[in-house]
């Protein structure tokens, strides 16, 4: 999709996001769904006219990190922060981007191959069940890979004191 065909989302001073294609206000979760659906978009600050898409994407990542098991451990975040201002900042960003792209492509290729194998040769329901179990094992291995790659071996228990705090 060309730059001109990107979906425009405007962010107003009251912090609300307005999807110009749908003519309605949207939430960060709606914007996250656009990302997952592969919809090309940009977020424009209504007041300044600046492209703030990266800021909105970072907000979505922060929200996702608070739900379930985080992708980024403290150690990984510290390492990423260490790249800023360093002469390898651009190289590190390119490396991370290429690594994630390769991982996503491999995951999609594996899932497509498994789906095709199940459709082409449905010998029995037992074989299908075994395939589903293998897919689940593969997902667990991927999760374990990400934990190891990010230096995260287990999630630390949260203090009881933090339960009542407002994170917003």
Protein backbone atom coordinates (compact mmCIF):
# COMPACT_ATOMS: atom_id res chain seq x y z
CA UNK A 1 0.00 0.00 0.00
CA UNK A 2 1.45 3.36 -0.95
CA UNK A 3 1.95 6.24 1.46
CA UNK A 4 -1.14 7.96 0.00
CA UNK A 5 -3.37 4.90 0.58
CA UNK A 6 -2.58 4.52 4.27
CA UNK A 7 -5.49 4.66 6.63
CA UNK A 8 -5.35 7.89 8.62
CA UNK A 9 -6.04 7.96 12.33
CA UNK A 10 -6.08 11.34 13.99
CA UNK A 11 -5.18 11.86 17.62
CA UNK A 12 -7.00 14.77 19.21
CA UNK A 13 -5.76 16.83 22.18
CA UNK A 14 -8.26 15.02 24.42
CA UNK A 15 -6.22 11.83 23.69
CA UNK A 16 -8.99 10.28 21.60
CA UNK A 17 -8.16 8.52 18.34
CA UNK A 18 -10.38 9.03 15.29
CA UNK A 19 -10.30 6.59 12.35
CA UNK A 20 -11.03 8.69 9.26
CA UNK A 21 -11.75 5.62 7.10
CA UNK A 22 -14.41 4.31 9.47
CA UNK A 23 -15.55 7.78 10.65
CA UNK A 24 -15.50 6.75 14.29
CA UNK A 25 -13.44 6.99 17.44
CA UNK A 26 -11.22 3.99 18.12
CA UNK A 27 -9.22 2.61 21.03
CA UNK A 28 -5.64 1.39 21.21
CA UNK A 29 -7.06 -2.14 21.03
CA UNK A 30 -8.76 -1.25 17.73
CA UNK A 31 -5.42 0.05 16.41
CA UNK A 32 -3.76 -3.19 17.61
CA UNK A 33 -6.33 -5.13 15.57
CA UNK A 34 -5.38 -3.08 12.49
CA UNK A 35 -1.75 -4.15 13.02
CA UNK A 36 -2.73 -7.81 13.40
CA UNK A 37 -4.92 -7.59 10.29
CA UNK A 38 -2.04 -6.10 8.28
CA UNK A 39 -3.81 -2.80 7.63
CA UNK A 40 -1.39 0.00 6.74
CA UNK A 41 -2.09 3.17 8.71
CA UNK A 42 -0.52 6.22 10.26
CA UNK A 43 -1.52 8.22 13.30
CA UNK A 44 -1.37 11.99 12.95
CA UNK A 45 -1.44 14.42 15.86
CA UNK A 46 -4.37 16.69 15.00
CA UNK A 47 -2.86 19.74 16.70
CA UNK A 48 0.73 19.59 15.38
CA UNK A 49 0.26 17.47 12.23
CA UNK A 50 3.16 15.23 13.30
CA UNK A 51 3.19 11.52 12.50
CA UNK A 52 2.99 9.84 15.93
CA UNK A 53 2.46 6.27 14.73
CA UNK A 54 5.56 4.97 16.56
CA UNK A 55 4.36 6.50 19.84
CA UNK A 56 0.97 4.81 19.51
CA UNK A 57 2.60 1.47 18.66
CA UNK A 58 4.84 1.80 21.72
CA UNK A 59 1.74 2.46 23.86
CA UNK A 60 0.19 -0.73 22.49
CA UNK A 61 3.35 -2.68 23.35
CA UNK A 62 3.29 -1.27 26.90
CA UNK A 63 -0.32 -2.37 27.30
CA UNK A 64 0.47 -5.85 25.97
CA UNK A 65 3.47 -6.17 28.29
CA UNK A 66 1.15 -5.62 31.27
CA UNK A 67 -1.21 -8.41 30.19
CA UNK A 68 -0.12 -12.02 30.54
CA UNK A 69 3.50 -12.97 30.15
CA UNK A 70 5.71 -10.11 28.94
CA UNK A 71 7.82 -10.50 25.82
CA UNK A 72 10.59 -8.20 27.04
CA UNK A 73 12.48 -9.00 30.24
CA UNK A 74 14.13 -6.25 32.26
CA UNK A 75 17.52 -7.47 31.01
CA UNK A 76 16.46 -7.21 27.36
CA UNK A 77 14.99 -3.73 27.89
CA UNK A 78 18.23 -2.61 29.55
CA UNK A 79 20.21 -3.95 26.59
CA UNK A 80 17.96 -2.17 24.11
CA UNK A 81 18.27 1.09 26.06
CA UNK A 82 22.06 0.61 25.94
CA UNK A 83 21.96 0.75 22.14
CA UNK A 84 20.48 4.26 22.06
CA UNK A 85 23.11 6.90 21.36
CA UNK A 86 25.63 4.18 20.61
CA UNK A 87 27.29 3.86 17.21
CA UNK A 88 25.55 0.50 16.69
CA UNK A 89 22.03 1.86 17.26
CA UNK A 90 21.04 1.62 13.58
CA UNK A 91 22.63 -1.79 13.13
CA UNK A 92 20.93 -3.13 16.27
CA UNK A 93 17.53 -1.89 15.07
CA UNK A 94 18.05 -3.47 11.65
CA UNK A 95 19.18 -6.74 13.24
CA UNK A 96 16.14 -6.90 15.54
CA UNK A 97 13.79 -6.11 12.68
CA UNK A 98 15.30 -8.73 10.37
CA UNK A 99 15.36 -11.35 13.14
CA UNK A 100 11.67 -10.83 13.91
CA UNK A 101 10.78 -10.88 10.22
CA UNK A 102 12.67 -14.15 9.70
CA UNK A 103 11.07 -15.71 12.79
CA UNK A 104 7.57 -14.68 11.64
CA UNK A 105 8.18 -16.06 8.12
CA UNK A 106 9.43 -19.39 9.51
CA UNK A 107 6.45 -19.64 11.84
CA UNK A 108 3.99 -18.94 9.01
CA UNK A 109 5.74 -21.41 6.70
CA UNK A 110 5.60 -24.15 9.34
CA UNK A 111 1.93 -23.51 10.08
CA UNK A 112 1.07 -23.54 6.37
CA UNK A 113 2.95 -26.80 5.84
CA UNK A 114 1.15 -28.41 8.77
CA UNK A 115 -2.24 -27.17 7.56
CA UNK A 116 -1.56 -28.48 4.04
CA UNK A 117 -0.41 -31.84 5.40
CA UNK A 118 -3.58 -32.20 7.45
CA UNK A 119 -5.80 -31.30 4.50
CA UNK A 120 -3.96 -33.43 1.93
CA UNK A 121 -3.79 -36.60 3.98
CA UNK A 122 -6.51 -36.83 6.63
CA UNK A 123 -5.86 -40.55 7.24
CA UNK A 124 -7.68 -40.63 10.53
CA UNK A 125 -8.84 -38.46 13.36
CA UNK A 126 -5.99 -39.91 15.43
CA UNK A 127 -3.44 -38.52 12.98
CA UNK A 128 -5.21 -35.15 13.07
CA UNK A 129 -5.15 -35.16 16.87
CA UNK A 130 -1.46 -36.04 16.87
CA UNK A 131 -0.80 -33.17 14.47
CA UNK A 132 -2.69 -30.75 16.73
CA UNK A 133 -0.63 -31.94 19.69
CA UNK A 134 2.57 -31.43 17.71
CA UNK A 135 1.46 -27.90 16.80
CA UNK A 136 0.84 -27.15 20.47
CA UNK A 137 4.29 -28.54 21.31
CA UNK A 138 5.76 -26.30 18.58
CA UNK A 139 4.00 -23.26 20.07
CA UNK A 140 5.39 -24.12 23.50
CA UNK A 141 8.89 -24.47 22.02
CA UNK A 142 8.51 -21.04 20.38
CA UNK A 143 7.41 -19.56 23.67
CA UNK A 144 10.38 -21.15 25.40
CA UNK A 145 12.67 -19.80 22.67
CA UNK A 146 11.39 -16.27 23.21
CA UNK A 147 11.84 -16.60 26.97
CA UNK A 148 15.40 -17.78 26.51
CA UNK A 149 16.19 -15.21 23.82
CA UNK A 150 14.92 -12.39 26.00
CA UNK A 151 16.67 -13.67 29.13
CA UNK A 152 13.34 -14.35 30.84
CA UNK A 153 13.19 -17.67 32.61
CA UNK A 154 10.22 -17.02 34.87
CA UNK A 155 7.93 -14.20 35.80
CA UNK A 156 8.58 -12.59 39.17
CA UNK A 157 5.63 -12.60 41.59
CA UNK A 158 4.07 -9.21 42.09
CA UNK A 159 4.02 -7.52 45.49
CA UNK A 160 0.64 -7.33 47.18
CA UNK A 161 1.27 -3.60 47.64
CA UNK A 162 0.96 -2.99 43.88
CA UNK A 163 -2.55 -4.42 43.53
CA UNK A 164 -4.41 -1.22 44.29
CA UNK A 165 -2.20 1.12 42.32
CA UNK A 166 -3.49 2.84 39.22
CA UNK A 167 -1.10 2.32 36.30
CA UNK A 168 -2.88 4.73 33.96
